Amino acid sequence: MENIIFERIKKDISENDVVLFMKGTAAFPQCGFSAAVAQVLSQLGVRFKDVNVLEDATIRQGIKDFTNWPTIPQLYIKGEFIGGCDIVREMFTTGELQDLLKDKGVPFKDAA
């Protein structure tokens, strides 16, 4: 079972430049942490795929096992696991997230 879930996760990550595994959707987040990361990405104008882990318990647990990271949301940029809410907010505040997007060739608008 784990292999099927991991393959699905890998497919989402490889087919999309930016993927956010979150509780709820970008349009209707179901948790404050997920909402905060979605808001950062939206503020930067980054197009991203949102994966609602609440719709599928196997994905909800699978993404935690995949990254060995216990919490959701989880952000991936160009296949690389970036982190959760605190990490993303900190990177955004310091400009590190914008630098990473630029380095990875992901289009965004400068929020300044």
N, C-alpha and C. Protein backbone atom coordinates (compact mmCIF):
# COMPACT_ATOMS: atom_id res chain seq x y z
N MET A 1 0.83 -1.21 0.00
CA MET A 1 0.00 0.00 0.00
C MET A 1 0.86 1.27 0.00
N GLU A 2 1.91 1.25 0.83
CA GLU A 2 2.78 2.42 0.95
C GLU A 2 3.38 2.80 -0.40
N ASN A 3 3.78 1.79 -1.20
CA ASN A 3 4.37 2.07 -2.51
C ASN A 3 3.41 2.81 -3.42
N ILE A 4 2.14 2.44 -3.39
CA ILE A 4 1.13 3.11 -4.22
C ILE A 4 1.00 4.57 -3.81
N ILE A 5 0.94 4.81 -2.51
CA ILE A 5 0.82 6.18 -1.99
C ILE A 5 2.06 6.99 -2.34
N PHE A 6 3.24 6.41 -2.12
CA PHE A 6 4.49 7.11 -2.43
C PHE A 6 4.57 7.44 -3.91
N GLU A 7 4.12 6.54 -4.78
CA GLU A 7 4.12 6.79 -6.22
C GLU A 7 3.20 7.96 -6.56
N ARG A 8 2.05 8.01 -5.91
CA ARG A 8 1.10 9.12 -6.14
C ARG A 8 1.72 10.44 -5.69
N ILE A 9 2.37 10.43 -4.54
CA ILE A 9 3.02 11.64 -4.03
C ILE A 9 4.14 12.06 -4.98
N LYS A 10 4.98 11.12 -5.39
CA LYS A 10 6.08 11.42 -6.32
C LYS A 10 5.55 12.00 -7.63
N LYS A 11 4.43 11.46 -8.11
CA LYS A 11 3.82 11.94 -9.36
C LYS A 11 3.41 13.41 -9.22
N ASP A 12 2.70 13.73 -8.14
CA ASP A 12 2.29 15.12 -7.90
C ASP A 12 3.50 16.04 -7.83
N ILE A 13 4.53 15.62 -7.11
CA ILE A 13 5.72 16.44 -6.91
C ILE A 13 6.49 16.62 -8.22
N SER A 14 6.55 15.56 -9.02
CA SER A 14 7.33 15.66 -10.26
C SER A 14 6.59 16.40 -11.37
N GLU A 15 5.26 16.37 -11.34
CA GLU A 15 4.48 17.00 -12.42
C GLU A 15 4.12 18.46 -12.16
N ASN A 16 4.42 18.96 -10.97
CA ASN A 16 4.08 20.34 -10.62
C ASN A 16 5.29 21.02 -10.00
N ASP A 17 5.55 22.26 -10.42
CA ASP A 17 6.69 22.99 -9.88
C ASP A 17 6.55 23.22 -8.38
N VAL A 18 5.33 23.52 -7.94
CA VAL A 18 5.10 23.81 -6.53
C VAL A 18 3.87 23.02 -6.08
N VAL A 19 4.05 22.25 -5.01
CA VAL A 19 2.96 21.45 -4.46
C VAL A 19 2.87 21.72 -2.97
N LEU A 20 1.63 21.96 -2.51
CA LEU A 20 1.38 22.16 -1.09
C LEU A 20 0.41 21.08 -0.61
N PHE A 21 0.93 20.19 0.22
CA PHE A 21 0.08 19.21 0.89
C PHE A 21 -0.48 19.92 2.10
N MET A 22 -1.81 20.06 2.13
CA MET A 22 -2.42 20.91 3.14
C MET A 22 -3.75 20.34 3.61
N LYS A 23 -4.23 20.88 4.71
CA LYS A 23 -5.56 20.53 5.20
C LYS A 23 -6.54 21.51 4.57
N GLY A 24 -7.38 20.99 3.70
CA GLY A 24 -8.30 21.83 2.94
C GLY A 24 -7.69 22.13 1.57
N THR A 25 -8.20 23.20 0.97
CA THR A 25 -7.71 23.62 -0.34
C THR A 25 -7.24 25.07 -0.26
N ALA A 26 -6.57 25.51 -1.30
CA ALA A 26 -6.11 26.91 -1.32
C ALA A 26 -7.30 27.86 -1.18
N ALA A 27 -8.41 27.50 -1.82
CA ALA A 27 -9.60 28.35 -1.77
C ALA A 27 -10.34 28.25 -0.43
N PHE A 28 -10.21 27.10 0.22
CA PHE A 28 -10.92 26.88 1.49
C PHE A 28 -10.05 26.07 2.45
N PRO A 29 -9.01 26.72 3.02
CA PRO A 29 -8.13 26.01 3.96
C PRO A 29 -8.90 25.58 5.21
N GLN A 30 -8.53 24.43 5.76
CA GLN A 30 -9.21 23.89 6.93
C GLN A 30 -8.34 23.97 8.18
N CYS A 31 -7.23 24.69 8.11
CA CYS A 31 -6.37 24.86 9.27
C CYS A 31 -5.55 26.14 9.08
N GLY A 32 -5.27 26.80 10.16
CA GLY A 32 -4.56 28.08 10.11
C GLY A 32 -3.17 27.98 9.51
N PHE A 33 -2.47 26.89 9.80
CA PHE A 33 -1.11 26.72 9.28
C PHE A 33 -1.15 26.54 7.77
N SER A 34 -2.08 25.72 7.29
CA SER A 34 -2.24 25.53 5.85
C SER A 34 -2.62 26.84 5.19
N ALA A 35 -3.52 27.58 5.81
CA ALA A 35 -3.96 28.87 5.27
C ALA A 35 -2.78 29.84 5.17
N ALA A 36 -1.92 29.84 6.17
CA ALA A 36 -0.78 30.76 6.19
C ALA A 36 0.18 30.48 5.03
N VAL A 37 0.47 29.21 4.77
CA VAL A 37 1.39 28.88 3.67
C VAL A 37 0.75 29.20 2.32
N ALA A 38 -0.54 28.86 2.18
CA ALA A 38 -1.25 29.17 0.93
C ALA A 38 -1.27 30.68 0.70
N GLN A 39 -1.43 31.45 1.78
CA GLN A 39 -1.46 32.91 1.67
C GLN A 39 -0.10 33.46 1.22
N VAL A 40 0.99 32.91 1.76
CA VAL A 40 2.33 33.34 1.34
C VAL A 40 2.51 33.09 -0.16
N LEU A 41 2.15 31.88 -0.60
CA LEU A 41 2.30 31.55 -2.02
C LEU A 41 1.42 32.45 -2.89
N SER A 42 0.19 32.69 -2.44
CA SER A 42 -0.72 33.55 -3.20
C SER A 42 -0.21 34.98 -3.25
N GLN A 43 0.33 35.45 -2.13
CA GLN A 43 0.87 36.81 -2.07
C GLN A 43 2.02 36.98 -3.06
N LEU A 44 2.78 35.90 -3.26
CA LEU A 44 3.88 35.93 -4.22
C LEU A 44 3.42 35.63 -5.65
N GLY A 45 2.13 35.31 -5.80
CA GLY A 45 1.61 35.01 -7.12
C GLY A 45 2.11 33.68 -7.68
N VAL A 46 2.51 32.77 -6.79
CA VAL A 46 3.04 31.48 -7.21
C VAL A 46 1.87 30.54 -7.52
N ARG A 47 1.91 29.95 -8.70
CA ARG A 47 0.91 28.94 -9.05
C ARG A 47 1.33 27.63 -8.39
N PHE A 48 0.41 26.99 -7.70
CA PHE A 48 0.76 25.75 -7.01
C PHE A 48 -0.40 24.78 -7.01
N LYS A 49 -0.06 23.52 -6.90
CA LYS A 49 -1.06 22.47 -6.77
C LYS A 49 -1.31 22.26 -5.28
N ASP A 50 -2.56 22.32 -4.89
CA ASP A 50 -2.91 22.03 -3.51
C ASP A 50 -3.45 20.60 -3.42
N VAL A 51 -2.95 19.85 -2.47
CA VAL A 51 -3.40 18.49 -2.24
C VAL A 51 -4.05 18.46 -0.86
N ASN A 52 -5.37 18.23 -0.84
CA ASN A 52 -6.13 18.22 0.40
C ASN A 52 -5.98 16.87 1.08
N VAL A 53 -5.18 16.83 2.14
CA VAL A 53 -4.93 15.56 2.83
C VAL A 53 -6.14 15.09 3.63
N LEU A 54 -7.10 15.98 3.85
CA LEU A 54 -8.30 15.59 4.59
C LEU A 54 -9.22 14.70 3.75
N GLU A 55 -9.05 14.74 2.43
CA GLU A 55 -9.88 13.92 1.55
C GLU A 55 -9.43 12.47 1.49
N ASP A 56 -8.21 12.20 1.92
CA ASP A 56 -7.66 10.86 1.79
C ASP A 56 -6.70 10.58 2.95
N ALA A 57 -7.13 9.72 3.87
CA ALA A 57 -6.32 9.42 5.06
C ALA A 57 -4.99 8.76 4.69
N THR A 58 -4.96 8.02 3.57
CA THR A 58 -3.71 7.37 3.18
C THR A 58 -2.68 8.40 2.71
N ILE A 59 -3.14 9.44 2.05
CA ILE A 59 -2.23 10.53 1.64
C ILE A 59 -1.80 11.32 2.87
N ARG A 60 -2.75 11.54 3.78
CA ARG A 60 -2.44 12.31 5.00
C ARG A 60 -1.31 11.66 5.78
N GLN A 61 -1.36 10.35 5.95
CA GLN A 61 -0.29 9.64 6.65
C GLN A 61 0.90 9.42 5.73
N GLY A 62 0.60 9.15 4.45
CA GLY A 62 1.65 8.85 3.49
C GLY A 62 2.64 9.98 3.31
N ILE A 63 2.16 11.22 3.28
CA ILE A 63 3.07 12.35 3.08
C ILE A 63 3.98 12.51 4.29
N LYS A 64 3.47 12.22 5.48
CA LYS A 64 4.30 12.29 6.70
C LYS A 64 5.39 11.23 6.65
N ASP A 65 5.03 10.03 6.21
CA ASP A 65 6.00 8.94 6.09
C ASP A 65 7.01 9.23 4.98
N PHE A 66 6.52 9.81 3.88
CA PHE A 66 7.36 10.09 2.71
C PHE A 66 8.50 11.03 3.07
N THR A 67 8.21 12.06 3.85
CA THR A 67 9.22 13.06 4.20
C THR A 67 9.84 12.82 5.56
N ASN A 68 9.23 11.92 6.33
CA ASN A 68 9.63 11.74 7.72
C ASN A 68 9.49 13.07 8.47
N TRP A 69 8.40 13.76 8.18
CA TRP A 69 8.08 15.06 8.77
C TRP A 69 6.68 14.93 9.38
N PRO A 70 6.50 15.23 10.66
CA PRO A 70 5.26 14.87 11.34
C PRO A 70 4.05 15.77 11.11
N THR A 71 4.27 16.94 10.52
CA THR A 71 3.16 17.89 10.45
C THR A 71 2.78 18.25 9.01
N ILE A 72 1.59 18.79 8.89
CA ILE A 72 1.05 19.30 7.63
C ILE A 72 0.65 20.73 7.92
N PRO A 73 0.92 21.67 7.05
CA PRO A 73 1.23 21.54 5.62
C PRO A 73 2.70 21.20 5.35
N GLN A 74 2.91 20.73 4.11
CA GLN A 74 4.25 20.46 3.61
C GLN A 74 4.37 21.05 2.21
N LEU A 75 5.41 21.84 2.02
CA LEU A 75 5.62 22.52 0.75
C LEU A 75 6.78 21.90 -0.01
N TYR A 76 6.55 21.67 -1.30
CA TYR A 76 7.59 21.17 -2.21
C TYR A 76 7.75 22.17 -3.34
N ILE A 77 8.99 22.48 -3.68
CA ILE A 77 9.30 23.34 -4.82
C ILE A 77 10.28 22.58 -5.71
N LYS A 78 9.86 22.35 -6.96
CA LYS A 78 10.67 21.62 -7.94
C LYS A 78 11.20 20.31 -7.35
N GLY A 79 10.31 19.59 -6.67
CA GLY A 79 10.65 18.27 -6.15
C GLY A 79 11.36 18.27 -4.81
N GLU A 80 11.73 19.44 -4.32
CA GLU A 80 12.47 19.53 -3.06
C GLU A 80 11.52 19.87 -1.91
N PHE A 81 11.61 19.09 -0.83
CA PHE A 81 10.81 19.38 0.36
C PHE A 81 11.38 20.62 1.03
N ILE A 82 10.55 21.62 1.23
CA ILE A 82 10.99 22.89 1.82
C ILE A 82 10.72 22.91 3.32
N GLY A 83 9.51 22.51 3.71
CA GLY A 83 9.17 22.50 5.13
C GLY A 83 7.71 22.81 5.35
N GLY A 84 7.40 23.13 6.58
CA GLY A 84 6.04 23.44 6.98
C GLY A 84 5.83 24.93 7.18
N CYS A 85 4.80 25.26 7.91
CA CYS A 85 4.36 26.65 8.05
C CYS A 85 5.45 27.57 8.62
N ASP A 86 6.04 27.21 9.75
CA ASP A 86 7.03 28.10 10.38
C ASP A 86 8.22 28.35 9.47
N ILE A 87 8.69 27.29 8.83
CA ILE A 87 9.85 27.41 7.94
C ILE A 87 9.51 28.30 6.74
N VAL A 88 8.35 28.07 6.14
CA VAL A 88 7.95 28.85 4.96
C VAL A 88 7.78 30.32 5.32
N ARG A 89 7.12 30.58 6.46
CA ARG A 89 6.92 31.99 6.88
C ARG A 89 8.26 32.68 7.14
N GLU A 90 9.17 31.97 7.81
CA GLU A 90 10.49 32.53 8.10
C GLU A 90 11.24 32.81 6.80
N MET A 91 11.22 31.84 5.87
CA MET A 91 11.91 32.02 4.58
C MET A 91 11.31 33.19 3.80
N PHE A 92 10.00 33.35 3.86
CA PHE A 92 9.34 34.45 3.16
C PHE A 92 9.78 35.79 3.76
N THR A 93 9.80 35.87 5.08
CA THR A 93 10.15 37.10 5.79
C THR A 93 11.59 37.53 5.48
N THR A 94 12.49 36.56 5.42
CA THR A 94 13.90 36.88 5.18
C THR A 94 14.24 37.05 3.69
N GLY A 95 13.29 36.66 2.81
CA GLY A 95 13.54 36.73 1.37
C GLY A 95 14.15 35.45 0.81
N GLU A 96 14.43 34.50 1.69
CA GLU A 96 15.04 33.24 1.27
C GLU A 96 14.11 32.45 0.34
N LEU A 97 12.80 32.52 0.61
CA LEU A 97 11.84 31.80 -0.23
C LEU A 97 11.84 32.39 -1.65
N GLN A 98 11.84 33.71 -1.74
CA GLN A 98 11.87 34.36 -3.04
C GLN A 98 13.16 34.00 -3.79
N ASP A 99 14.29 33.97 -3.09
CA ASP A 99 15.57 33.58 -3.71
C ASP A 99 15.50 32.15 -4.21
N LEU A 100 14.91 31.27 -3.42
CA LEU A 100 14.78 29.86 -3.82
C LEU A 100 13.92 29.73 -5.06
N LEU A 101 12.79 30.43 -5.09
CA LEU A 101 11.91 30.40 -6.27
C LEU A 101 12.67 30.87 -7.50
N LYS A 102 13.42 31.97 -7.35
CA LYS A 102 14.19 32.52 -8.46
C LYS A 102 15.23 31.51 -8.93
N ASP A 103 15.97 30.92 -7.97
CA ASP A 103 17.01 29.93 -8.30
C ASP A 103 16.43 28.71 -9.02
N LYS A 104 15.22 28.33 -8.65
CA LYS A 104 14.60 27.13 -9.23
C LYS A 104 13.81 27.45 -10.51
N GLY A 105 13.74 28.73 -10.85
CA GLY A 105 13.06 29.13 -12.08
C GLY A 105 11.54 29.09 -11.99
N VAL A 106 11.03 29.28 -10.78
CA VAL A 106 9.58 29.30 -10.58
C VAL A 106 9.11 30.76 -10.62
N PRO A 107 8.19 31.08 -11.54
CA PRO A 107 7.73 32.47 -11.65
C PRO A 107 6.99 32.92 -10.39
N PHE A 108 7.25 34.15 -9.99
CA PHE A 108 6.53 34.76 -8.86
C PHE A 108 6.62 36.27 -9.04
N LYS A 109 5.77 36.96 -8.30
CA LYS A 109 5.83 38.42 -8.33
C LYS A 109 6.42 38.90 -7.01
N ASP A 110 7.22 39.92 -7.09
CA ASP A 110 7.84 40.45 -5.87
C ASP A 110 6.75 41.13 -5.04
N ALA A 111 6.64 40.73 -3.80
CA ALA A 111 5.57 41.24 -2.94
C ALA A 111 5.89 42.60 -2.36
N ALA A 112 7.08 43.09 -2.60
CA ALA A 112 7.50 44.37 -2.01
C ALA A 112 6.74 45.54 -2.60
